Amino acid sequence: MSVHPANYVVWAEIPVSDLTASQAFYEALLQTRMNRCEMGGFDIVDFKPAKAATGVAGHLYVGTPAPRGTGPTVHLAIPGTVEAALDRCRAAGGQVTSPVIAIPPGRFAKIEDIDGNSIGIFEPAA
């Protein structure tokens, strides 16, 4: 029997060394306010899902990021163009690690956040 969920990835957790600084970075990158709260006894900053209970989301938490250039890449939807998001990334202290790449569903580039986490920033096709 094959199972085909709506989304295979249902939640992403991004470890960061400084929750306040990382919240500022992601808010600048994504041009949104993120919610800092306590969940399961831990202080987190969460990404709000686009579609309430059905959207895929995640959170930042104080942890040990993988060394730069290792670990998984989490891809995030960005407002506007990839180029504008790359400018926001640099201005907020992140690093751009790839050129803009076109794929059938849109365009993306890879960046590293202020802790070196590998992040893909995605702009859907028009």
C-alpha atoms as a PDB file:
ATOM      1  CA  MET A   1       0.000   0.000   0.000  1.00  0.00           C
ATOM      2  CA  SER A   2       1.270   3.484  -0.859  1.00  0.00           C
ATOM      3  CA  VAL A   3       0.582   6.498   1.299  1.00  0.00           C
ATOM      4  CA  HIS A   4       0.525   9.940  -0.294  1.00  0.00           C
ATOM      5  CA  PRO A   5       0.107  12.698   2.301  1.00  0.00           C
ATOM      6  CA  ALA A   6      -0.609  16.265   1.218  1.00  0.00           C
ATOM      7  CA  ASN A   7       2.901  17.177   2.457  1.00  0.00           C
ATOM      8  CA  TYR A   8       5.712  14.782   3.325  1.00  0.00           C
ATOM      9  CA  VAL A   9       7.468  17.527   5.264  1.00  0.00           C
ATOM     10  CA  VAL A  10       5.109  18.772   7.967  1.00  0.00           C
ATOM     11  CA  TRP A  11       7.342  20.838  10.253  1.00  0.00           C
ATOM     12  CA  ALA A  12      10.856  22.322  10.189  1.00  0.00           C
ATOM     13  CA  GLU A  13      12.955  23.222  13.216  1.00  0.00           C
ATOM     14  CA  ILE A  14      15.912  25.534  12.683  1.00  0.00           C
ATOM     15  CA  PRO A  15      18.491  25.602  15.500  1.00  0.00           C
ATOM     16  CA  VAL A  16      19.914  29.039  16.284  1.00  0.00           C
ATOM     17  CA  SER A  17      22.398  30.346  18.835  1.00  0.00           C
ATOM     18  CA  ASP A  18      20.550  33.598  19.643  1.00  0.00           C
ATOM     19  CA  LEU A  19      16.759  33.533  19.383  1.00  0.00           C
ATOM     20  CA  THR A  20      16.331  37.320  19.424  1.00  0.00           C
ATOM     21  CA  ALA A  21      18.974  37.967  16.740  1.00  0.00           C
ATOM     22  CA  SER A  22      17.668  35.149  14.562  1.00  0.00           C
ATOM     23  CA  GLN A  23      14.096  36.386  14.891  1.00  0.00           C
ATOM     24  CA  ALA A  24      15.266  39.792  13.637  1.00  0.00           C
ATOM     25  CA  PHE A  25      17.110  38.155  10.702  1.00  0.00           C
ATOM     26  CA  TYR A  26      14.117  36.070   9.581  1.00  0.00           C
ATOM     27  CA  GLU A  27      11.647  38.916  10.058  1.00  0.00           C
ATOM     28  CA  ALA A  28      13.826  41.108   7.801  1.00  0.00           C
ATOM     29  CA  LEU A  29      14.296  38.329   5.228  1.00  0.00           C
ATOM     30  CA  LEU A  30      10.622  37.359   5.100  1.00  0.00           C
ATOM     31  CA  GLN A  31       9.194  40.846   5.728  1.00  0.00           C
ATOM     32  CA  THR A  32       6.862  39.589   8.439  1.00  0.00           C
ATOM     33  CA  ARG A  33       6.411  39.489  12.193  1.00  0.00           C
ATOM     34  CA  MET A  34       7.118  36.149  13.799  1.00  0.00           C
ATOM     35  CA  ASN A  35       5.601  34.939  17.040  1.00  0.00           C
ATOM     36  CA  ARG A  36       7.848  34.269  20.040  1.00  0.00           C
ATOM     37  CA  CYS A  37       6.183  31.894  22.477  1.00  0.00           C
ATOM     38  CA  GLU A  38       6.625  28.891  24.733  1.00  0.00           C
ATOM     39  CA  MET A  39       5.785  25.487  23.284  1.00  0.00           C
ATOM     40  CA  GLY A  40       6.293  22.217  25.110  1.00  0.00           C
ATOM     41  CA  GLY A  41       8.428  23.939  27.718  1.00  0.00           C
ATOM     42  CA  PHE A  42      10.733  25.588  25.172  1.00  0.00           C
ATOM     43  CA  ASP A  43      11.060  29.220  24.073  1.00  0.00           C
ATOM     44  CA  ILE A  44      10.592  29.326  20.282  1.00  0.00           C
ATOM     45  CA  VAL A  45       9.904  31.732  17.430  1.00  0.00           C
ATOM     46  CA  ASP A  46       7.410  30.249  15.005  1.00  0.00           C
ATOM     47  CA  PHE A  47       6.714  30.660  11.314  1.00  0.00           C
ATOM     48  CA  LYS A  48       2.977  31.097  10.856  1.00  0.00           C
ATOM     49  CA  PRO A  49       1.514  28.634   8.341  1.00  0.00           C
ATOM     50  CA  ALA A  50      -0.233  30.257   5.413  1.00  0.00           C
ATOM     51  CA  LYS A  51      -3.312  28.079   5.735  1.00  0.00           C
ATOM     52  CA  ALA A  52      -3.841  27.679   9.479  1.00  0.00           C
ATOM     53  CA  ALA A  53      -3.851  23.995  10.393  1.00  0.00           C
ATOM     54  CA  THR A  54      -3.156  22.716   6.858  1.00  0.00           C
ATOM     55  CA  GLY A  55      -0.048  24.759   6.054  1.00  0.00           C
ATOM     56  CA  VAL A  56       3.484  23.518   6.557  1.00  0.00           C
ATOM     57  CA  ALA A  57       5.403  25.650   9.032  1.00  0.00           C
ATOM     58  CA  GLY A  58       8.179  25.459  11.598  1.00  0.00           C
ATOM     59  CA  HIS A  59      10.081  27.341  14.231  1.00  0.00           C
ATOM     60  CA  LEU A  60      13.431  28.633  15.436  1.00  0.00           C
ATOM     61  CA  TYR A  61      14.777  27.292  18.717  1.00  0.00           C
ATOM     62  CA  VAL A  62      17.962  27.696  20.737  1.00  0.00           C
ATOM     63  CA  GLY A  63      20.163  24.794  19.718  1.00  0.00           C
ATOM     64  CA  THR A  64      23.404  23.888  17.996  1.00  0.00           C
ATOM     65  CA  PRO A  65      23.380  24.638  14.267  1.00  0.00           C
ATOM     66  CA  ALA A  66      25.250  22.218  12.020  1.00  0.00           C
ATOM     67  CA  PRO A  67      28.671  23.440  10.894  1.00  0.00           C
ATOM     68  CA  ARG A  68      28.527  25.741   7.841  1.00  0.00           C
ATOM     69  CA  GLY A  69      28.119  23.788   4.625  1.00  0.00           C
ATOM     70  CA  THR A  70      26.590  20.757   6.336  1.00  0.00           C
ATOM     71  CA  GLY A  71      23.115  19.841   7.528  1.00  0.00           C
ATOM     72  CA  PRO A  72      19.830  19.984   5.621  1.00  0.00           C
ATOM     73  CA  THR A  73      18.511  22.934   3.638  1.00  0.00           C
ATOM     74  CA  VAL A  74      15.128  24.344   4.629  1.00  0.00           C
ATOM     75  CA  HIS A  75      13.369  26.201   1.779  1.00  0.00           C
ATOM     76  CA  LEU A  76      11.177  29.188   2.652  1.00  0.00           C
ATOM     77  CA  ALA A  77       8.667  31.098   0.521  1.00  0.00           C
ATOM     78  CA  ILE A  78       9.677  34.747   0.258  1.00  0.00           C
ATOM     79  CA  PRO A  79       7.702  37.849  -0.649  1.00  0.00           C
ATOM     80  CA  GLY A  80       8.747  39.551  -3.874  1.00  0.00           C
ATOM     81  CA  THR A  81      11.698  38.502  -5.972  1.00  0.00           C
ATOM     82  CA  VAL A  82      14.641  36.308  -5.084  1.00  0.00           C
ATOM     83  CA  GLU A  83      16.966  39.228  -5.836  1.00  0.00           C
ATOM     84  CA  ALA A  84      15.185  41.491  -3.332  1.00  0.00           C
ATOM     85  CA  ALA A  85      15.324  38.719  -0.706  1.00  0.00           C
ATOM     86  CA  LEU A  86      19.056  38.282  -1.354  1.00  0.00           C
ATOM     87  CA  ASP A  87      19.545  41.994  -0.675  1.00  0.00           C
ATOM     88  CA  ARG A  88      17.558  41.663   2.582  1.00  0.00           C
ATOM     89  CA  CYS A  89      19.619  38.605   3.542  1.00  0.00           C
ATOM     90  CA  ARG A  90      22.916  40.461   3.106  1.00  0.00           C
ATOM     91  CA  ALA A  91      21.625  43.556   4.930  1.00  0.00           C
ATOM     92  CA  ALA A  92      20.510  41.401   7.885  1.00  0.00           C
ATOM     93  CA  GLY A  93      23.888  39.639   8.200  1.00  0.00           C
ATOM     94  CA  GLY A  94      23.345  36.459   6.173  1.00  0.00           C
ATOM     95  CA  GLN A  95      25.428  35.135   3.285  1.00  0.00           C
ATOM     96  CA  VAL A  96      24.393  34.252  -0.259  1.00  0.00           C
ATOM     97  CA  THR A  97      25.785  30.831  -1.247  1.00  0.00           C
ATOM     98  CA  SER A  98      24.339  30.203  -4.724  1.00  0.00           C
ATOM     99  CA  PRO A  99      23.211  32.034  -7.818  1.00  0.00           C
ATOM    100  CA  VAL A 100      19.508  32.363  -8.583  1.00  0.00           C
ATOM    101  CA  ILE A 101      18.323  29.041 -10.054  1.00  0.00           C
ATOM    102  CA  ALA A 102      15.244  28.702 -12.277  1.00  0.00           C
ATOM    103  CA  ILE A 103      13.178  25.521 -11.991  1.00  0.00           C
ATOM    104  CA  PRO A 104       9.726  24.780 -13.456  1.00  0.00           C
ATOM    105  CA  PRO A 105       7.781  25.813 -10.311  1.00  0.00           C
ATOM    106  CA  GLY A 106       9.736  29.066  -9.821  1.00  0.00           C
ATOM    107  CA  ARG A 107      13.146  30.415  -8.818  1.00  0.00           C
ATOM    108  CA  PHE A 108      15.316  29.987  -5.749  1.00  0.00           C
ATOM    109  CA  ALA A 109      18.724  30.687  -4.276  1.00  0.00           C
ATOM    110  CA  LYS A 110      20.547  29.318  -1.269  1.00  0.00           C
ATOM    111  CA  ILE A 111      21.695  31.455   1.635  1.00  0.00           C
ATOM    112  CA  GLU A 112      23.124  30.927   5.097  1.00  0.00           C
ATOM    113  CA  ASP A 113      21.413  32.595   8.029  1.00  0.00           C
ATOM    114  CA  ILE A 114      23.467  34.321  10.745  1.00  0.00           C
ATOM    115  CA  ASP A 115      24.292  30.909  12.292  1.00  0.00           C
ATOM    116  CA  GLY A 116      25.264  29.285   8.997  1.00  0.00           C
ATOM    117  CA  ASN A 117      22.045  27.268   8.569  1.00  0.00           C
ATOM    118  CA  SER A 118      21.430  26.433   4.912  1.00  0.00           C
ATOM    119  CA  ILE A 119      18.225  28.138   3.749  1.00  0.00           C
ATOM    120  CA  GLY A 120      16.639  28.125   0.318  1.00  0.00           C
ATOM    121  CA  ILE A 121      14.576  31.171  -0.590  1.00  0.00           C
ATOM    122  CA  PHE A 122      11.832  30.421  -3.104  1.00  0.00           C
ATOM    123  CA  GLU A 123       9.830  32.651  -5.468  1.00  0.00           C
ATOM    124  CA  PRO A 124       6.986  30.783  -7.205  1.00  0.00           C
ATOM    125  CA  ALA A 125       6.511  31.102 -10.965  1.00  0.00           C
ATOM    126  CA  ALA A 126       4.056  33.780 -12.031  1.00  0.00           C
END
